[in-house]
Amino acid sequence: MSERARVATDRMFVFVLGLVALAFAAVRVRVVFDFVHYAWSGLGAGFATALILSLFWKKITGRGVIAGMLVGLVVTVVWRNTPALKAIVYELLPAFFPAFASVWLTSLATARSRVTADIVN
């Protein structure tokens, strides 16, 4: 496929996707709000914990960040899709604390001690 054909295909795909999104928004405004609400809870639980700890704690590790993102995402999805839990509280709040703990504990478990780092280097 030539560059020009690829650009035309990409533009057509974006146009069709925009029409589908416009149809969703026109039919039910609440659907768009629910998508945004769901996305913010996932982003908050997945990234906010890692961001806060990376700003204030020097021992954070990459594995800790990944663990926190995964735990935050899983708790958010489970909480959001369980009607009894969803009725209690917004899913970001219960997902934040396990994600935070996951980042902290995984970082502690995977951090190299200063003695080990000095011996290796």
PDB file of N, CA and C in Angstrom:
ATOM      1  N   MET A   1       0.850  -1.175   0.000  1.00  0.00           N
ATOM      2  CA  MET A   1       0.000   0.000   0.000  1.00  0.00           C
ATOM      3  C   MET A   1       0.901   1.246   0.000  1.00  0.00           C
ATOM      4  N   SER A   2       0.592   2.173  -0.857  1.00  0.00           N
ATOM      5  CA  SER A   2       1.405   3.382  -0.939  1.00  0.00           C
ATOM      6  C   SER A   2       1.127   4.301   0.251  1.00  0.00           C
ATOM      7  N   GLU A   3       2.011   5.243   0.428  1.00  0.00           N
ATOM      8  CA  GLU A   3       1.871   6.210   1.528  1.00  0.00           C
ATOM      9  C   GLU A   3       0.567   6.997   1.397  1.00  0.00           C
ATOM     10  N   ARG A   4       0.249   7.393   0.200  1.00  0.00           N
ATOM     11  CA  ARG A   4      -0.968   8.181  -0.053  1.00  0.00           C
ATOM     12  C   ARG A   4      -2.232   7.367   0.253  1.00  0.00           C
ATOM     13  N   ALA A   5      -2.228   6.097  -0.159  1.00  0.00           N
ATOM     14  CA  ALA A   5      -3.379   5.223   0.121  1.00  0.00           C
ATOM     15  C   ALA A   5      -3.518   4.962   1.619  1.00  0.00           C
ATOM     16  N   ARG A   6      -2.407   4.817   2.311  1.00  0.00           N
ATOM     17  CA  ARG A   6      -2.427   4.592   3.757  1.00  0.00           C
ATOM     18  C   ARG A   6      -2.998   5.800   4.490  1.00  0.00           C
ATOM     19  N   VAL A   7      -2.601   6.991   4.085  1.00  0.00           N
ATOM     20  CA  VAL A   7      -3.116   8.218   4.693  1.00  0.00           C
ATOM     21  C   VAL A   7      -4.615   8.337   4.448  1.00  0.00           C
ATOM     22  N   ALA A   8      -5.053   8.036   3.223  1.00  0.00           N
ATOM     23  CA  ALA A   8      -6.485   8.096   2.904  1.00  0.00           C
ATOM     24  C   ALA A   8      -7.270   7.078   3.729  1.00  0.00           C
ATOM     25  N   THR A   9      -6.729   5.889   3.879  1.00  0.00           N
ATOM     26  CA  THR A   9      -7.388   4.860   4.693  1.00  0.00           C
ATOM     27  C   THR A   9      -7.468   5.292   6.151  1.00  0.00           C
ATOM     28  N   ASP A  10      -6.391   5.835   6.679  1.00  0.00           N
ATOM     29  CA  ASP A  10      -6.384   6.308   8.063  1.00  0.00           C
ATOM     30  C   ASP A  10      -7.411   7.410   8.282  1.00  0.00           C
ATOM     31  N   ARG A  11      -7.482   8.335   7.348  1.00  0.00           N
ATOM     32  CA  ARG A  11      -8.449   9.426   7.467  1.00  0.00           C
ATOM     33  C   ARG A  11      -9.885   8.914   7.407  1.00  0.00           C
ATOM     34  N   MET A  12     -10.141   7.961   6.559  1.00  0.00           N
ATOM     35  CA  MET A  12     -11.483   7.391   6.449  1.00  0.00           C
ATOM     36  C   MET A  12     -11.858   6.660   7.742  1.00  0.00           C
ATOM     37  N   PHE A  13     -10.899   5.928   8.299  1.00  0.00           N
ATOM     38  CA  PHE A  13     -11.147   5.218   9.551  1.00  0.00           C
ATOM     39  C   PHE A  13     -11.464   6.198  10.686  1.00  0.00           C
ATOM     40  N   VAL A  14     -10.705   7.274  10.792  1.00  0.00           N
ATOM     41  CA  VAL A  14     -10.962   8.284  11.822  1.00  0.00           C
ATOM     42  C   VAL A  14     -12.321   8.941  11.603  1.00  0.00           C
ATOM     43  N   PHE A  15     -12.671   9.203  10.359  1.00  0.00           N
ATOM     44  CA  PHE A  15     -13.969   9.792  10.056  1.00  0.00           C
ATOM     45  C   PHE A  15     -15.119   8.874  10.480  1.00  0.00           C
ATOM     46  N   VAL A  16     -15.019   7.598  10.135  1.00  0.00           N
ATOM     47  CA  VAL A  16     -16.060   6.633  10.501  1.00  0.00           C
ATOM     48  C   VAL A  16     -16.131   6.482  12.019  1.00  0.00           C
ATOM     49  N   LEU A  17     -15.003   6.419  12.666  1.00  0.00           N
ATOM     50  CA  LEU A  17     -14.970   6.326  14.125  1.00  0.00           C
ATOM     51  C   LEU A  17     -15.607   7.562  14.763  1.00  0.00           C
ATOM     52  N   GLY A  18     -15.366   8.726  14.197  1.00  0.00           N
ATOM     53  CA  GLY A  18     -15.996   9.954  14.676  1.00  0.00           C
ATOM     54  C   GLY A  18     -17.502   9.925  14.517  1.00  0.00           C
ATOM     55  N   LEU A  19     -17.970   9.375  13.397  1.00  0.00           N
ATOM     56  CA  LEU A  19     -19.422   9.243  13.195  1.00  0.00           C
ATOM     57  C   LEU A  19     -20.051   8.292  14.215  1.00  0.00           C
ATOM     58  N   VAL A  20     -19.368   7.204  14.510  1.00  0.00           N
ATOM     59  CA  VAL A  20     -19.870   6.263  15.523  1.00  0.00           C
ATOM     60  C   VAL A  20     -19.926   6.946  16.888  1.00  0.00           C
ATOM     61  N   ALA A  21     -18.890   7.682  17.237  1.00  0.00           N
ATOM     62  CA  ALA A  21     -18.887   8.393  18.516  1.00  0.00           C
ATOM     63  C   ALA A  21     -19.985   9.444  18.559  1.00  0.00           C
ATOM     64  N   LEU A  22     -20.188  10.139  17.465  1.00  0.00           N
ATOM     65  CA  LEU A  22     -21.261  11.131  17.387  1.00  0.00           C
ATOM     66  C   LEU A  22     -22.627  10.476  17.555  1.00  0.00           C
ATOM     67  N   ALA A  23     -22.809   9.299  16.978  1.00  0.00           N
ATOM     68  CA  ALA A  23     -24.073   8.572  17.121  1.00  0.00           C
ATOM     69  C   ALA A  23     -24.306   8.168  18.574  1.00  0.00           C
ATOM     70  N   PHE A  24     -23.263   7.678  19.247  1.00  0.00           N
ATOM     71  CA  PHE A  24     -23.389   7.349  20.666  1.00  0.00           C
ATOM     72  C   PHE A  24     -23.791   8.579  21.477  1.00  0.00           C
ATOM     73  N   ALA A  25     -23.133   9.688  21.206  1.00  0.00           N
ATOM     74  CA  ALA A  25     -23.413  10.916  21.961  1.00  0.00           C
ATOM     75  C   ALA A  25     -24.813  11.438  21.686  1.00  0.00           C
ATOM     76  N   ALA A  26     -25.290  11.282  20.471  1.00  0.00           N
ATOM     77  CA  ALA A  26     -26.620  11.781  20.116  1.00  0.00           C
ATOM     78  C   ALA A  26     -27.723  10.907  20.704  1.00  0.00           C
ATOM     79  N   VAL A  27     -27.491   9.620  20.755  1.00  0.00           N
ATOM     80  CA  VAL A  27     -28.517   8.700  21.247  1.00  0.00           C
ATOM     81  C   VAL A  27     -28.638   8.778  22.765  1.00  0.00           C
ATOM     82  N   ARG A  28     -27.512   8.696  23.437  1.00  0.00           N
ATOM     83  CA  ARG A  28     -27.540   8.723  24.900  1.00  0.00           C
ATOM     84  C   ARG A  28     -26.353   9.521  25.411  1.00  0.00           C
ATOM     85  N   VAL A  29     -26.622  10.663  25.944  1.00  0.00           N
ATOM     86  CA  VAL A  29     -25.569  11.509  26.491  1.00  0.00           C
ATOM     87  C   VAL A  29     -24.925  10.826  27.692  1.00  0.00           C
ATOM     88  N   ARG A  30     -25.686  10.083  28.441  1.00  0.00           N
ATOM     89  CA  ARG A  30     -25.194   9.408  29.636  1.00  0.00           C
ATOM     90  C   ARG A  30     -24.078   8.407  29.300  1.00  0.00           C
ATOM     91  N   VAL A  31     -24.123   7.807  28.111  1.00  0.00           N
ATOM     92  CA  VAL A  31     -23.107   6.833  27.710  1.00  0.00           C
ATOM     93  C   VAL A  31     -21.733   7.497  27.661  1.00  0.00           C
ATOM     94  N   VAL A  32     -21.655   8.682  27.095  1.00  0.00           N
ATOM     95  CA  VAL A  32     -20.384   9.396  27.002  1.00  0.00           C
ATOM     96  C   VAL A  32     -19.861   9.719  28.400  1.00  0.00           C
ATOM     97  N   PHE A  33     -20.745  10.197  29.266  1.00  0.00           N
ATOM     98  CA  PHE A  33     -20.338  10.505  30.641  1.00  0.00           C
ATOM     99  C   PHE A  33     -19.834   9.250  31.343  1.00  0.00           C
ATOM    100  N   ASP A  34     -20.515   8.128  31.153  1.00  0.00           N
ATOM    101  CA  ASP A  34     -20.091   6.881  31.789  1.00  0.00           C
ATOM    102  C   ASP A  34     -18.720   6.430  31.292  1.00  0.00           C
ATOM    103  N   PHE A  35     -18.455   6.585  29.992  1.00  0.00           N
ATOM    104  CA  PHE A  35     -17.136   6.236  29.458  1.00  0.00           C
ATOM    105  C   PHE A  35     -16.045   7.107  30.082  1.00  0.00           C
ATOM    106  N   VAL A  36     -16.300   8.381  30.164  1.00  0.00           N
ATOM    107  CA  VAL A  36     -15.317   9.305  30.738  1.00  0.00           C
ATOM    108  C   VAL A  36     -15.111   9.016  32.227  1.00  0.00           C
ATOM    109  N   HIS A  37     -16.194   8.765  32.920  1.00  0.00           N
ATOM    110  CA  HIS A  37     -16.141   8.448  34.347  1.00  0.00           C
ATOM    111  C   HIS A  37     -15.316   7.186  34.580  1.00  0.00           C
ATOM    112  N   TYR A  38     -15.553   6.169  33.793  1.00  0.00           N
ATOM    113  CA  TYR A  38     -14.840   4.899  33.886  1.00  0.00           C
ATOM    114  C   TYR A  38     -13.352   5.108  33.580  1.00  0.00           C
ATOM    115  N   ALA A  39     -13.061   5.871  32.544  1.00  0.00           N
ATOM    116  CA  ALA A  39     -11.671   6.118  32.165  1.00  0.00           C
ATOM    117  C   ALA A  39     -10.917   6.863  33.259  1.00  0.00           C
ATOM    118  N   TRP A  40     -11.549   7.860  33.863  1.00  0.00           N
ATOM    119  CA  TRP A  40     -10.879   8.620  34.919  1.00  0.00           C
ATOM    120  C   TRP A  40     -10.605   7.757  36.142  1.00  0.00           C
ATOM    121  N   SER A  41     -11.522   6.875  36.477  1.00  0.00           N
ATOM    122  CA  SER A  41     -11.281   6.018  37.639  1.00  0.00           C
ATOM    123  C   SER A  41     -10.120   5.066  37.366  1.00  0.00           C
ATOM    124  N   GLY A  42     -10.050   4.523  36.155  1.00  0.00           N
ATOM    125  CA  GLY A  42      -8.930   3.652  35.810  1.00  0.00           C
ATOM    126  C   GLY A  42      -7.607   4.388  35.792  1.00  0.00           C
ATOM    127  N   LEU A  43      -7.605   5.592  35.227  1.00  0.00           N
ATOM    128  CA  LEU A  43      -6.377   6.394  35.201  1.00  0.00           C
ATOM    129  C   LEU A  43      -5.949   6.810  36.603  1.00  0.00           C
ATOM    130  N   GLY A  44      -6.917   7.206  37.411  1.00  0.00           N
ATOM    131  CA  GLY A  44      -6.596   7.630  38.775  1.00  0.00           C
ATOM    132  C   GLY A  44      -6.010   6.514  39.599  1.00  0.00           C
ATOM    133  N   ALA A  45      -6.614   5.345  39.518  1.00  0.00           N
ATOM    134  CA  ALA A  45      -6.115   4.213  40.302  1.00  0.00           C
ATOM    135  C   ALA A  45      -4.812   3.674  39.732  1.00  0.00           C
ATOM    136  N   GLY A  46      -4.673   3.698  38.431  1.00  0.00           N
ATOM    137  CA  GLY A  46      -3.486   3.126  37.811  1.00  0.00           C
ATOM    138  C   GLY A  46      -2.260   4.008  37.848  1.00  0.00           C
ATOM    139  N   PHE A  47      -2.443   5.305  37.642  1.00  0.00           N
ATOM    140  CA  PHE A  47      -1.295   6.199  37.522  1.00  0.00           C
ATOM    141  C   PHE A  47      -1.063   7.106  38.725  1.00  0.00           C
ATOM    142  N   ALA A  48      -2.108   7.506  39.406  1.00  0.00           N
ATOM    143  CA  ALA A  48      -1.944   8.467  40.505  1.00  0.00           C
ATOM    144  C   ALA A  48      -1.100   7.906  41.634  1.00  0.00           C
ATOM    145  N   THR A  49      -1.294   6.641  41.945  1.00  0.00           N
ATOM    146  CA  THR A  49      -0.514   6.049  43.036  1.00  0.00           C
ATOM    147  C   THR A  49       0.977   6.055  42.704  1.00  0.00           C
ATOM    148  N   ALA A  50       1.305   5.639  41.493  1.00  0.00           N
ATOM    149  CA  ALA A  50       2.708   5.621  41.088  1.00  0.00           C
ATOM    150  C   ALA A  50       3.282   7.037  41.022  1.00  0.00           C
ATOM    151  N   LEU A  51       2.486   7.976  40.547  1.00  0.00           N
ATOM    152  CA  LEU A  51       2.945   9.355  40.447  1.00  0.00           C
ATOM    153  C   LEU A  51       3.216   9.952  41.828  1.00  0.00           C
ATOM    154  N   ILE A  52       2.299   9.758  42.746  1.00  0.00           N
ATOM    155  CA  ILE A  52       2.470  10.297  44.101  1.00  0.00           C
ATOM    156  C   ILE A  52       3.699   9.695  44.767  1.00  0.00           C
ATOM    157  N   LEU A  53       3.826   8.384  44.689  1.00  0.00           N
ATOM    158  CA  LEU A  53       4.983   7.751  45.320  1.00  0.00           C
ATOM    159  C   LEU A  53       6.294   8.136  44.632  1.00  0.00           C
ATOM    160  N   SER A  54       6.287   8.302  43.314  1.00  0.00           N
ATOM    161  CA  SER A  54       7.526   8.690  42.645  1.00  0.00           C
ATOM    162  C   SER A  54       7.959  10.104  42.997  1.00  0.00           C
ATOM    163  N   LEU A  55       7.009  10.948  43.363  1.00  0.00           N
ATOM    164  CA  LEU A  55       7.356  12.307  43.759  1.00  0.00           C
ATOM    165  C   LEU A  55       7.920  12.375  45.177  1.00  0.00           C
ATOM    166  N   PHE A  56       7.446  11.505  46.056  1.00  0.00           N
ATOM    167  CA  PHE A  56       7.787  11.642  47.471  1.00  0.00           C
ATOM    168  C   PHE A  56       8.600  10.490  48.049  1.00  0.00           C
ATOM    169  N   TRP A  57       8.916   9.473  47.259  1.00  0.00           N
ATOM    170  CA  TRP A  57       9.629   8.321  47.798  1.00  0.00           C
ATOM    171  C   TRP A  57      10.719   7.904  46.822  1.00  0.00           C
ATOM    172  N   LYS A  58      11.945   7.859  47.269  1.00  0.00           N
ATOM    173  CA  LYS A  58      13.074   7.584  46.380  1.00  0.00           C
ATOM    174  C   LYS A  58      13.283   6.098  46.094  1.00  0.00           C
ATOM    175  N   LYS A  59      12.625   5.217  46.844  1.00  0.00           N
ATOM    176  CA  LYS A  59      12.860   3.784  46.670  1.00  0.00           C
ATOM    177  C   LYS A  59      11.885   3.113  45.703  1.00  0.00           C
ATOM    178  N   ILE A  60      11.093   3.873  45.000  1.00  0.00           N
ATOM    179  CA  ILE A  60      10.134   3.283  44.066  1.00  0.00           C
ATOM    180  C   ILE A  60      10.882   2.596  42.921  1.00  0.00           C
ATOM    181  N   THR A  61      10.349   1.461  42.471  1.00  0.00           N
ATOM    182  CA  THR A  61      10.974   0.721  41.371  1.00  0.00           C
ATOM    183  C   THR A  61       9.993   0.600  40.201  1.00  0.00           C
ATOM    184  N   GLY A  62      10.528   0.262  39.056  1.00  0.00           N
ATOM    185  CA  GLY A  62       9.691   0.069  37.879  1.00  0.00           C
ATOM    186  C   GLY A  62       8.704  -1.069  38.057  1.00  0.00           C
ATOM    187  N   ARG A  63       9.148  -2.138  38.698  1.00  0.00           N
ATOM    188  CA  ARG A  63       8.242  -3.263  38.949  1.00  0.00           C
ATOM    189  C   ARG A  63       7.124  -2.860  39.897  1.00  0.00           C
ATOM    190  N   GLY A  64       7.431  -2.007  40.854  1.00  0.00           N
ATOM    191  CA  GLY A  64       6.400  -1.520  41.761  1.00  0.00           C
ATOM    192  C   GLY A  64       5.353  -0.702  41.028  1.00  0.00           C
ATOM    193  N   VAL A  65       5.805   0.128  40.108  1.00  0.00           N
ATOM    194  CA  VAL A  65       4.887   0.947  39.311  1.00  0.00           C
ATOM    195  C   VAL A  65       3.980   0.061  38.470  1.00  0.00           C
ATOM    196  N   ILE A  66       4.553  -0.936  37.816  1.00  0.00           N
ATOM    197  CA  ILE A  66       3.751  -1.843  36.986  1.00  0.00           C
ATOM    198  C   ILE A  66       2.749  -2.608  37.837  1.00  0.00           C
ATOM    199  N   ALA A  67       3.179  -3.087  38.992  1.00  0.00           N
ATOM    200  CA  ALA A  67       2.270  -3.814  39.880  1.00  0.00           C
ATOM    201  C   ALA A  67       1.111  -2.921  40.324  1.00  0.00           C
ATOM    202  N   GLY A  68       1.421  -1.682  40.678  1.00  0.00           N
ATOM    203  CA  GLY A  68       0.368  -0.758  41.100  1.00  0.00           C
ATOM    204  C   GLY A  68      -0.609  -0.442  39.992  1.00  0.00           C
ATOM    205  N   MET A  69      -0.092  -0.285  38.779  1.00  0.00           N
ATOM    206  CA  MET A  69      -0.974  -0.007  37.640  1.00  0.00           C
ATOM    207  C   MET A  69      -1.904  -1.184  37.369  1.00  0.00           C
ATOM    208  N   LEU A  70      -1.369  -2.389  37.438  1.00  0.00           N
ATOM    209  CA  LEU A  70      -2.192  -3.576  37.198  1.00  0.00           C
ATOM    210  C   LEU A  70      -3.240  -3.770  38.287  1.00  0.00           C
ATOM    211  N   VAL A  71      -2.830  -3.620  39.538  1.00  0.00           N
ATOM    212  CA  VAL A  71      -3.778  -3.777  40.646  1.00  0.00           C
ATOM    213  C   VAL A  71      -4.859  -2.704  40.578  1.00  0.00           C
ATOM    214  N   GLY A  72      -4.475  -1.469  40.305  1.00  0.00           N
ATOM    215  CA  GLY A  72      -5.463  -0.391  40.191  1.00  0.00           C
ATOM    216  C   GLY A  72      -6.460  -0.648  39.081  1.00  0.00           C
ATOM    217  N   LEU A  73      -5.969  -1.121  37.941  1.00  0.00           N
ATOM    218  CA  LEU A  73      -6.850  -1.422  36.822  1.00  0.00           C
ATOM    219  C   LEU A  73      -7.806  -2.567  37.148  1.00  0.00           C
ATOM    220  N   VAL A  74      -7.286  -3.642  37.720  1.00  0.00           N
ATOM    221  CA  VAL A  74      -8.120  -4.805  38.026  1.00  0.00           C
ATOM    222  C   VAL A  74      -9.186  -4.459  39.059  1.00  0.00           C
ATOM    223  N   VAL A  75      -8.809  -3.763  40.124  1.00  0.00           N
ATOM    224  CA  VAL A  75      -9.790  -3.402  41.149  1.00  0.00           C
ATOM    225  C   VAL A  75     -10.848  -2.463  40.568  1.00  0.00           C
ATOM    226  N   THR A  76     -10.438  -1.531  39.741  1.00  0.00           N
ATOM    227  CA  THR A  76     -11.396  -0.621  39.114  1.00  0.00           C
ATOM    228  C   THR A  76     -12.400  -1.379  38.254  1.00  0.00           C
ATOM    229  N   VAL A  77     -11.926  -2.285  37.420  1.00  0.00           N
ATOM    230  CA  VAL A  77     -12.811  -3.036  36.527  1.00  0.00           C
ATOM    231  C   VAL A  77     -13.754  -3.935  37.327  1.00  0.00           C
ATOM    232  N   VAL A  78     -13.214  -4.631  38.319  1.00  0.00           N
ATOM    233  CA  VAL A  78     -14.060  -5.517  39.134  1.00  0.00           C
ATOM    234  C   VAL A  78     -15.101  -4.710  39.893  1.00  0.00           C
ATOM    235  N   TRP A  79     -14.682  -3.615  40.517  1.00  0.00           N
ATOM    236  CA  TRP A  79     -15.611  -2.796  41.302  1.00  0.00           C
ATOM    237  C   TRP A  79     -16.702  -2.201  40.412  1.00  0.00           C
ATOM    238  N   ARG A  80     -16.305  -1.699  39.267  1.00  0.00           N
ATOM    239  CA  ARG A  80     -17.254  -1.065  38.356  1.00  0.00           C
ATOM    240  C   ARG A  80     -18.276  -2.053  37.797  1.00  0.00           C
ATOM    241  N   ASN A  81     -17.864  -3.287  37.576  1.00  0.00           N
ATOM    242  CA  ASN A  81     -18.739  -4.278  36.969  1.00  0.00           C
ATOM    243  C   ASN A  81     -19.462  -5.171  37.974  1.00  0.00           C
ATOM    244  N   THR A  82     -19.347  -4.874  39.257  1.00  0.00           N
ATOM    245  CA  THR A  82     -20.097  -5.582  40.289  1.00  0.00           C
ATOM    246  C   THR A  82     -21.153  -4.621  40.823  1.00  0.00           C
ATOM    247  N   PRO A  83     -22.426  -4.847  40.481  1.00  0.00           N
ATOM    248  CA  PRO A  83     -23.469  -3.888  40.851  1.00  0.00           C
ATOM    249  C   PRO A  83     -23.552  -3.580  42.348  1.00  0.00           C
ATOM    250  N   ALA A  84     -23.374  -4.580  43.198  1.00  0.00           N
ATOM    251  CA  ALA A  84     -23.455  -4.346  44.644  1.00  0.00           C
ATOM    252  C   ALA A  84     -22.331  -3.428  45.119  1.00  0.00           C
ATOM    253  N   LEU A  85     -21.141  -3.600  44.563  1.00  0.00           N
ATOM    254  CA  LEU A  85     -20.010  -2.751  44.946  1.00  0.00           C
ATOM    255  C   LEU A  85     -20.138  -1.357  44.335  1.00  0.00           C
ATOM    256  N   LYS A  86     -20.580  -1.310  43.089  1.00  0.00           N
ATOM    257  CA  LYS A  86     -20.726  -0.027  42.394  1.00  0.00           C
ATOM    258  C   LYS A  86     -21.706   0.894  43.121  1.00  0.00           C
ATOM    259  N   ALA A  87     -22.717   0.306  43.753  1.00  0.00           N
ATOM    260  CA  ALA A  87     -23.725   1.102  44.465  1.00  0.00           C
ATOM    261  C   ALA A  87     -23.178   1.698  45.755  1.00  0.00           C
ATOM    262  N   ILE A  88     -22.094   1.152  46.266  1.00  0.00           N
ATOM    263  CA  ILE A  88     -21.549   1.624  47.549  1.00  0.00           C
ATOM    264  C   ILE A  88     -20.772   2.923  47.384  1.00  0.00           C
ATOM    265  N   VAL A  89     -19.773   2.906  46.505  1.00  0.00           N
ATOM    266  CA  VAL A  89     -18.877   4.057  46.364  1.00  0.00           C
ATOM    267  C   VAL A  89     -18.242   4.041  44.974  1.00  0.00           C
ATOM    268  N   TYR A  90     -17.826   5.209  44.516  1.00  0.00           N
ATOM    269  CA  TYR A  90     -17.124   5.379  43.243  1.00  0.00           C
ATOM    270  C   TYR A  90     -15.865   4.522  43.231  1.00  0.00           C
ATOM    271  N   GLU A  91     -15.620   3.810  42.140  1.00  0.00           N
ATOM    272  CA  GLU A  91     -14.583   2.787  42.075  1.00  0.00           C
ATOM    273  C   GLU A  91     -13.150   3.290  42.236  1.00  0.00           C
ATOM    274  N   LEU A  92     -12.912   4.564  42.049  1.00  0.00           N
ATOM    275  CA  LEU A  92     -11.555   5.072  42.216  1.00  0.00           C
ATOM    276  C   LEU A  92     -11.086   4.963  43.660  1.00  0.00           C
ATOM    277  N   LEU A  93     -11.954   5.245  44.583  1.00  0.00           N
ATOM    278  CA  LEU A  93     -11.562   5.220  45.999  1.00  0.00           C
ATOM    279  C   LEU A  93     -11.111   3.836  46.463  1.00  0.00           C
ATOM    280  N   PRO A  94     -11.897   2.774  46.258  1.00  0.00           N
ATOM    281  CA  PRO A  94     -11.414   1.461  46.705  1.00  0.00           C
ATOM    282  C   PRO A  94     -10.260   0.923  45.871  1.00  0.00           C
ATOM    283  N   ALA A  95     -10.052   1.396  44.660  1.00  0.00           N
ATOM    284  CA  ALA A  95      -8.945   0.919  43.837  1.00  0.00           C
ATOM    285  C   ALA A  95      -7.638   1.629  44.183  1.00  0.00           C
ATOM    286  N   PHE A  96      -7.726   2.830  44.697  1.00  0.00           N
ATOM    287  CA  PHE A  96      -6.530   3.623  44.982  1.00  0.00           C
ATOM    288  C   PHE A  96      -5.656   2.972  46.060  1.00  0.00           C
ATOM    289  N   PHE A  97      -6.271   2.531  47.138  1.00  0.00           N
ATOM    290  CA  PHE A  97      -5.495   2.029  48.271  1.00  0.00           C
ATOM    291  C   PHE A  97      -4.792   0.695  47.996  1.00  0.00           C
ATOM    292  N   PRO A  98      -5.438  -0.297  47.375  1.00  0.00           N
ATOM    293  CA  PRO A  98      -4.674  -1.504  47.023  1.00  0.00           C
ATOM    294  C   PRO A  98      -3.563  -1.226  45.998  1.00  0.00           C
ATOM    295  N   ALA A  99      -3.807  -0.315  45.071  1.00  0.00           N
ATOM    296  CA  ALA A  99      -2.772   0.035  44.094  1.00  0.00           C
ATOM    297  C   ALA A  99      -1.587   0.702  44.789  1.00  0.00           C
ATOM    298  N   PHE A 100      -1.879   1.594  45.720  1.00  0.00           N
ATOM    299  CA  PHE A 100      -0.832   2.271  46.486  1.00  0.00           C
ATOM    300  C   PHE A 100      -0.003   1.248  47.261  1.00  0.00           C
ATOM    301  N   ALA A 101      -0.694   0.341  47.952  1.00  0.00           N
ATOM    302  CA  ALA A 101       0.000  -0.698  48.716  1.00  0.00           C
ATOM    303  C   ALA A 101       0.820  -1.599  47.805  1.00  0.00           C
ATOM    304  N   SER A 102       0.303  -1.884  46.632  1.00  0.00           N
ATOM    305  CA  SER A 102       1.011  -2.731  45.687  1.00  0.00           C
ATOM    306  C   SER A 102       2.303  -2.079  45.206  1.00  0.00           C
ATOM    307  N   VAL A 103       2.249  -0.800  44.885  1.00  0.00           N
ATOM    308  CA  VAL A 103       3.466  -0.088  44.472  1.00  0.00           C
ATOM    309  C   VAL A 103       4.488  -0.108  45.596  1.00  0.00           C
ATOM    310  N   TRP A 104       4.032   0.190  46.786  1.00  0.00           N
ATOM    311  CA  TRP A 104       4.922   0.281  47.947  1.00  0.00           C
ATOM    312  C   TRP A 104       5.559  -1.071  48.264  1.00  0.00           C
ATOM    313  N   LEU A 105       4.730  -2.113  48.391  1.00  0.00           N
ATOM    314  CA  LEU A 105       5.245  -3.426  48.774  1.00  0.00           C
ATOM    315  C   LEU A 105       6.115  -4.049  47.686  1.00  0.00           C
ATOM    316  N   THR A 106       5.709  -3.912  46.434  1.00  0.00           N
ATOM    317  CA  THR A 106       6.513  -4.468  45.347  1.00  0.00           C
ATOM    318  C   THR A 106       7.837  -3.722  45.220  1.00  0.00           C
ATOM    319  N   SER A 107       7.818  -2.432  45.422  1.00  0.00           N
ATOM    320  CA  SER A 107       9.067  -1.668  45.381  1.00  0.00           C
ATOM    321  C   SER A 107      10.004  -2.082  46.506  1.00  0.00           C
ATOM    322  N   LEU A 108       9.451  -2.310  47.674  1.00  0.00           N
ATOM    323  CA  LEU A 108      10.289  -2.774  48.787  1.00  0.00           C
ATOM    324  C   LEU A 108      10.868  -4.158  48.494  1.00  0.00           C
ATOM    325  N   ALA A 109      10.058  -5.021  47.902  1.00  0.00           N
ATOM    326  CA  ALA A 109      10.498  -6.389  47.628  1.00  0.00           C
ATOM    327  C   ALA A 109      11.512  -6.460  46.488  1.00  0.00           C
ATOM    328  N   THR A 110      11.447  -5.528  45.546  1.00  0.00           N
ATOM    329  CA  THR A 110      12.329  -5.606  44.378  1.00  0.00           C
ATOM    330  C   THR A 110      13.486  -4.618  44.419  1.00  0.00           C
ATOM    331  N   ALA A 111      13.546  -3.803  45.452  1.00  0.00           N
ATOM    332  CA  ALA A 111      14.630  -2.810  45.539  1.00  0.00           C
ATOM    333  C   ALA A 111      15.939  -3.509  45.888  1.00  0.00           C
ATOM    334  N   ARG A 112      16.983  -3.085  45.220  1.00  0.00           N
ATOM    335  CA  ARG A 112      18.311  -3.605  45.555  1.00  0.00           C
ATOM    336  C   ARG A 112      18.832  -2.823  46.740  1.00  0.00           C
ATOM    337  N   SER A 113      19.405  -3.512  47.667  1.00  0.00           N
ATOM    338  CA  SER A 113      19.961  -2.811  48.820  1.00  0.00           C
ATOM    339  C   SER A 113      21.238  -2.094  48.400  1.00  0.00           C
ATOM    340  N   ARG A 114      21.652  -1.133  49.193  1.00  0.00           N
ATOM    341  CA  ARG A 114      22.868  -0.367  48.869  1.00  0.00           C
ATOM    342  C   ARG A 114      24.100  -1.280  48.914  1.00  0.00           C
ATOM    343  N   VAL A 115      24.116  -2.229  49.831  1.00  0.00           N
ATOM    344  CA  VAL A 115      25.257  -3.144  49.942  1.00  0.00           C
ATOM    345  C   VAL A 115      25.364  -3.981  48.678  1.00  0.00           C
ATOM    346  N   THR A 116      24.248  -4.538  48.223  1.00  0.00           N
ATOM    347  CA  THR A 116      24.268  -5.344  46.993  1.00  0.00           C
ATOM    348  C   THR A 116      24.675  -4.501  45.798  1.00  0.00           C
ATOM    349  N   ALA A 117      24.160  -3.304  45.718  1.00  0.00           N
ATOM    350  CA  ALA A 117      24.497  -2.415  44.591  1.00  0.00           C
ATOM    351  C   ALA A 117      25.980  -2.074  44.599  1.00  0.00           C
ATOM    352  N   ASP A 118      26.572  -1.852  45.789  1.00  0.00           N
ATOM    353  CA  ASP A 118      27.997  -1.538  45.874  1.00  0.00           C
ATOM    354  C   ASP A 118      28.854  -2.730  45.471  1.00  0.00           C
ATOM    355  N   ILE A 119      28.427  -3.931  45.842  1.00  0.00           N
ATOM    356  CA  ILE A 119      29.202  -5.130  45.499  1.00  0.00           C
ATOM    357  C   ILE A 119      29.150  -5.387  43.993  1.00  0.00           C
ATOM    358  N   VAL A 120      27.958  -5.220  43.390  1.00  0.00           N
ATOM    359  CA  VAL A 120      27.790  -5.464  41.966  1.00  0.00           C
ATOM    360  C   VAL A 120      28.560  -4.446  41.150  1.00  0.00           C
ATOM    361  N   ASN A 121      28.532  -3.197  41.557  1.00  0.00           N
ATOM    362  CA  ASN A 121      29.217  -2.134  40.808  1.00  0.00           C
ATOM    363  C   ASN A 121      30.648  -2.109  41.215  1.00  0.00           C
TER     364      ASN A 121
END
